[in-house]
Amino acid sequence: VQLQASGGGLVQSGGSLRLSCRSSGRTFGSYAWFRQAPGKEREFVAATWRRGGNTYYADSVKGRFTISRDNAQLTASLQMNGLRPEDTAVYYCAADNGVILSSVRKSSGYDYWGQGTLVTVSS
């Protein structure tokens, strides 16, 4: 099983991007996006848990980012609006079927990872 992340790029502050994460051959119960800025730890961004019944966001992106999923297309997306320079990072999608609620925001909760897509926000 592979996850393919796409949609990153260069955008000006206040702009928007839409990231996509396509899984090959199957869909997962939970999808998440994490990001890692240069010199920083990987951090949680957003998750859709147990087939979209619940969504979770980091406080830093709440109200600006929206995670969604399309089971028919085997994809999960992250719509990012109001981008800021501090959103600059490599964004990774992750997926798993056995994520428990206490692990939704933890990278250790996911076994499947995409390769990462770079988002750069200029000021």
C-alpha atoms as a PDB file:
ATOM      1  CA  VAL A   1       0.000   0.000   0.000  1.00  0.00           C
ATOM      2  CA  GLN A   2       1.295   3.419  -0.937  1.00  0.00           C
ATOM      3  CA  LEU A   3       0.219   6.945  -0.149  1.00  0.00           C
ATOM      4  CA  GLN A   4       0.969   9.628  -2.711  1.00  0.00           C
ATOM      5  CA  ALA A   5       0.871  13.231  -1.543  1.00  0.00           C
ATOM      6  CA  SER A   6       0.613  16.106  -3.998  1.00  0.00           C
ATOM      7  CA  GLY A   7      -0.442  19.727  -4.307  1.00  0.00           C
ATOM      8  CA  GLY A   8       2.361  21.573  -2.586  1.00  0.00           C
ATOM      9  CA  GLY A   9       3.953  24.666  -4.025  1.00  0.00           C
ATOM     10  CA  LEU A  10       4.859  28.293  -3.547  1.00  0.00           C
ATOM     11  CA  VAL A  11       2.115  30.720  -2.548  1.00  0.00           C
ATOM     12  CA  GLN A  12       1.951  34.230  -1.163  1.00  0.00           C
ATOM     13  CA  SER A  13       0.799  34.949   2.343  1.00  0.00           C
ATOM     14  CA  GLY A  14      -2.997  34.861   2.463  1.00  0.00           C
ATOM     15  CA  GLY A  15      -3.212  32.464  -0.451  1.00  0.00           C
ATOM     16  CA  SER A  16      -4.631  28.956  -0.685  1.00  0.00           C
ATOM     17  CA  LEU A  17      -3.462  25.500  -1.610  1.00  0.00           C
ATOM     18  CA  ARG A  18      -5.144  22.119  -1.701  1.00  0.00           C
ATOM     19  CA  LEU A  19      -3.124  19.042  -0.822  1.00  0.00           C
ATOM     20  CA  SER A  20      -4.222  15.581  -1.853  1.00  0.00           C
ATOM     21  CA  CYS A  21      -3.279  12.178  -0.529  1.00  0.00           C
ATOM     22  CA  ARG A  22      -4.143   9.229  -2.713  1.00  0.00           C
ATOM     23  CA  SER A  23      -3.905   5.698  -1.419  1.00  0.00           C
ATOM     24  CA  SER A  24      -3.259   2.862  -3.830  1.00  0.00           C
ATOM     25  CA  GLY A  25      -5.815   0.110  -3.862  1.00  0.00           C
ATOM     26  CA  ARG A  26      -7.631   0.733  -0.637  1.00  0.00           C
ATOM     27  CA  THR A  27      -9.153   3.304   1.632  1.00  0.00           C
ATOM     28  CA  PHE A  28      -8.380   3.744   5.309  1.00  0.00           C
ATOM     29  CA  GLY A  29     -10.455   4.449   8.351  1.00  0.00           C
ATOM     30  CA  SER A  30      -8.392   7.457   9.383  1.00  0.00           C
ATOM     31  CA  TYR A  31      -6.260   9.954   7.541  1.00  0.00           C
ATOM     32  CA  ALA A  32      -4.080  12.708   8.907  1.00  0.00           C
ATOM     33  CA  TRP A  33      -1.741  15.437   7.815  1.00  0.00           C
ATOM     34  CA  PHE A  34       1.442  16.300   9.645  1.00  0.00           C
ATOM     35  CA  ARG A  35       4.076  18.862   8.761  1.00  0.00           C
ATOM     36  CA  GLN A  36       7.722  19.443   9.473  1.00  0.00           C
ATOM     37  CA  ALA A  37       9.414  22.803   9.127  1.00  0.00           C
ATOM     38  CA  PRO A  38      13.215  23.063   8.818  1.00  0.00           C
ATOM     39  CA  GLY A  39      14.862  22.455  12.155  1.00  0.00           C
ATOM     40  CA  LYS A  40      11.617  21.572  13.883  1.00  0.00           C
ATOM     41  CA  GLU A  41       9.840  18.456  15.007  1.00  0.00           C
ATOM     42  CA  ARG A  42       7.076  16.945  12.909  1.00  0.00           C
ATOM     43  CA  GLU A  43       3.749  18.257  14.142  1.00  0.00           C
ATOM     44  CA  PHE A  44       0.120  17.322  13.778  1.00  0.00           C
ATOM     45  CA  VAL A  45      -2.030  19.420  11.451  1.00  0.00           C
ATOM     46  CA  ALA A  46      -5.386  17.716  10.922  1.00  0.00           C
ATOM     47  CA  ALA A  47      -7.078  14.336  10.961  1.00  0.00           C
ATOM     48  CA  THR A  48     -10.279  12.684   9.914  1.00  0.00           C
ATOM     49  CA  TRP A  49     -10.951   9.781  12.201  1.00  0.00           C
ATOM     50  CA  ARG A  50     -12.976   6.659  11.582  1.00  0.00           C
ATOM     51  CA  ARG A  51     -14.262   7.312   8.092  1.00  0.00           C
ATOM     52  CA  GLY A  52     -14.880  10.993   8.530  1.00  0.00           C
ATOM     53  CA  GLY A  53     -17.100  10.882  11.538  1.00  0.00           C
ATOM     54  CA  ASN A  54     -14.797  13.193  13.435  1.00  0.00           C
ATOM     55  CA  THR A  55     -12.231  15.769  12.397  1.00  0.00           C
ATOM     56  CA  TYR A  56      -9.448  17.251  14.471  1.00  0.00           C
ATOM     57  CA  TYR A  57      -7.195  20.240  13.917  1.00  0.00           C
ATOM     58  CA  ALA A  58      -4.143  21.800  15.471  1.00  0.00           C
ATOM     59  CA  ASP A  59      -5.006  25.106  17.108  1.00  0.00           C
ATOM     60  CA  SER A  60      -2.647  26.895  14.734  1.00  0.00           C
ATOM     61  CA  VAL A  61      -4.685  25.910  11.664  1.00  0.00           C
ATOM     62  CA  LYS A  62      -8.213  25.760  13.043  1.00  0.00           C
ATOM     63  CA  GLY A  63     -10.555  27.895  10.989  1.00  0.00           C
ATOM     64  CA  ARG A  64      -8.119  28.075   8.065  1.00  0.00           C
ATOM     65  CA  PHE A  65      -7.569  24.443   7.064  1.00  0.00           C
ATOM     66  CA  THR A  66     -10.170  21.797   6.260  1.00  0.00           C
ATOM     67  CA  ILE A  67      -9.544  18.079   5.972  1.00  0.00           C
ATOM     68  CA  SER A  68     -11.859  15.921   3.898  1.00  0.00           C
ATOM     69  CA  ARG A  69     -11.962  12.509   2.311  1.00  0.00           C
ATOM     70  CA  ASP A  70     -13.402  10.907  -0.801  1.00  0.00           C
ATOM     71  CA  ASN A  71     -13.677   7.162  -0.345  1.00  0.00           C
ATOM     72  CA  ALA A  72     -14.604   6.560  -3.969  1.00  0.00           C
ATOM     73  CA  GLN A  73     -11.434   8.325  -5.114  1.00  0.00           C
ATOM     74  CA  LEU A  74      -9.319   6.823  -2.342  1.00  0.00           C
ATOM     75  CA  THR A  75      -8.140  10.291  -1.427  1.00  0.00           C
ATOM     76  CA  ALA A  76      -7.912  12.592   1.530  1.00  0.00           C
ATOM     77  CA  SER A  77      -7.461  16.309   1.007  1.00  0.00           C
ATOM     78  CA  LEU A  78      -6.334  19.296   2.990  1.00  0.00           C
ATOM     79  CA  GLN A  79      -7.729  22.644   1.889  1.00  0.00           C
ATOM     80  CA  MET A  80      -5.473  25.374   3.212  1.00  0.00           C
ATOM     81  CA  ASN A  81      -6.731  28.944   3.194  1.00  0.00           C
ATOM     82  CA  GLY A  82      -5.239  32.062   4.693  1.00  0.00           C
ATOM     83  CA  LEU A  83      -1.745  30.659   4.488  1.00  0.00           C
ATOM     84  CA  ARG A  84       0.964  32.267   6.556  1.00  0.00           C
ATOM     85  CA  PRO A  85       4.763  32.136   6.318  1.00  0.00           C
ATOM     86  CA  GLU A  86       4.793  29.982   9.456  1.00  0.00           C
ATOM     87  CA  ASP A  87       2.825  27.332   7.550  1.00  0.00           C
ATOM     88  CA  THR A  88       5.911  26.706   5.412  1.00  0.00           C
ATOM     89  CA  ALA A  89       6.875  23.056   5.827  1.00  0.00           C
ATOM     90  CA  VAL A  90       6.940  19.653   4.222  1.00  0.00           C
ATOM     91  CA  TYR A  91       3.458  18.212   4.619  1.00  0.00           C
ATOM     92  CA  TYR A  92       3.014  14.480   5.067  1.00  0.00           C
ATOM     93  CA  CYS A  93      -0.160  12.475   4.815  1.00  0.00           C
ATOM     94  CA  ALA A  94      -0.651   9.452   7.004  1.00  0.00           C
ATOM     95  CA  ALA A  95      -3.278   6.762   7.218  1.00  0.00           C
ATOM     96  CA  ASP A  96      -4.264   3.765   9.248  1.00  0.00           C
ATOM     97  CA  ASN A  97      -7.266   1.652  10.140  1.00  0.00           C
ATOM     98  CA  GLY A  98      -6.509   1.137  13.814  1.00  0.00           C
ATOM     99  CA  VAL A  99      -6.048   4.666  15.118  1.00  0.00           C
ATOM    100  CA  ILE A 100      -7.400   5.062  18.611  1.00  0.00           C
ATOM    101  CA  LEU A 101      -8.719   8.411  19.760  1.00  0.00           C
ATOM    102  CA  SER A 102      -5.785   9.096  22.063  1.00  0.00           C
ATOM    103  CA  SER A 103      -3.400   8.686  19.117  1.00  0.00           C
ATOM    104  CA  VAL A 104      -5.210  10.758  16.496  1.00  0.00           C
ATOM    105  CA  ARG A 105      -2.768  13.643  16.911  1.00  0.00           C
ATOM    106  CA  LYS A 106       0.336  11.484  17.208  1.00  0.00           C
ATOM    107  CA  SER A 107       2.540  10.369  14.328  1.00  0.00           C
ATOM    108  CA  SER A 108       3.005   7.048  16.113  1.00  0.00           C
ATOM    109  CA  GLY A 109      -0.683   6.333  15.577  1.00  0.00           C
ATOM    110  CA  TYR A 110      -0.248   5.835  11.825  1.00  0.00           C
ATOM    111  CA  ASP A 111       1.571   3.077   9.983  1.00  0.00           C
ATOM    112  CA  TYR A 112       1.234   4.339   6.426  1.00  0.00           C
ATOM    113  CA  TRP A 113       2.914   7.520   5.215  1.00  0.00           C
ATOM    114  CA  GLY A 114       3.213   9.481   2.014  1.00  0.00           C
ATOM    115  CA  GLN A 115       6.461  10.948   0.754  1.00  0.00           C
ATOM    116  CA  GLY A 116       5.753  14.561   1.689  1.00  0.00           C
ATOM    117  CA  THR A 117       4.986  17.643  -0.351  1.00  0.00           C
ATOM    118  CA  LEU A 118       6.628  21.025   0.191  1.00  0.00           C
ATOM    119  CA  VAL A 119       4.514  24.073   0.945  1.00  0.00           C
ATOM    120  CA  THR A 120       6.287  27.424   0.885  1.00  0.00           C
ATOM    121  CA  VAL A 121       4.462  30.597   1.889  1.00  0.00           C
ATOM    122  CA  SER A 122       6.174  33.860   1.069  1.00  0.00           C
ATOM    123  CA  SER A 123       5.559  37.023   3.053  1.00  0.00           C
END
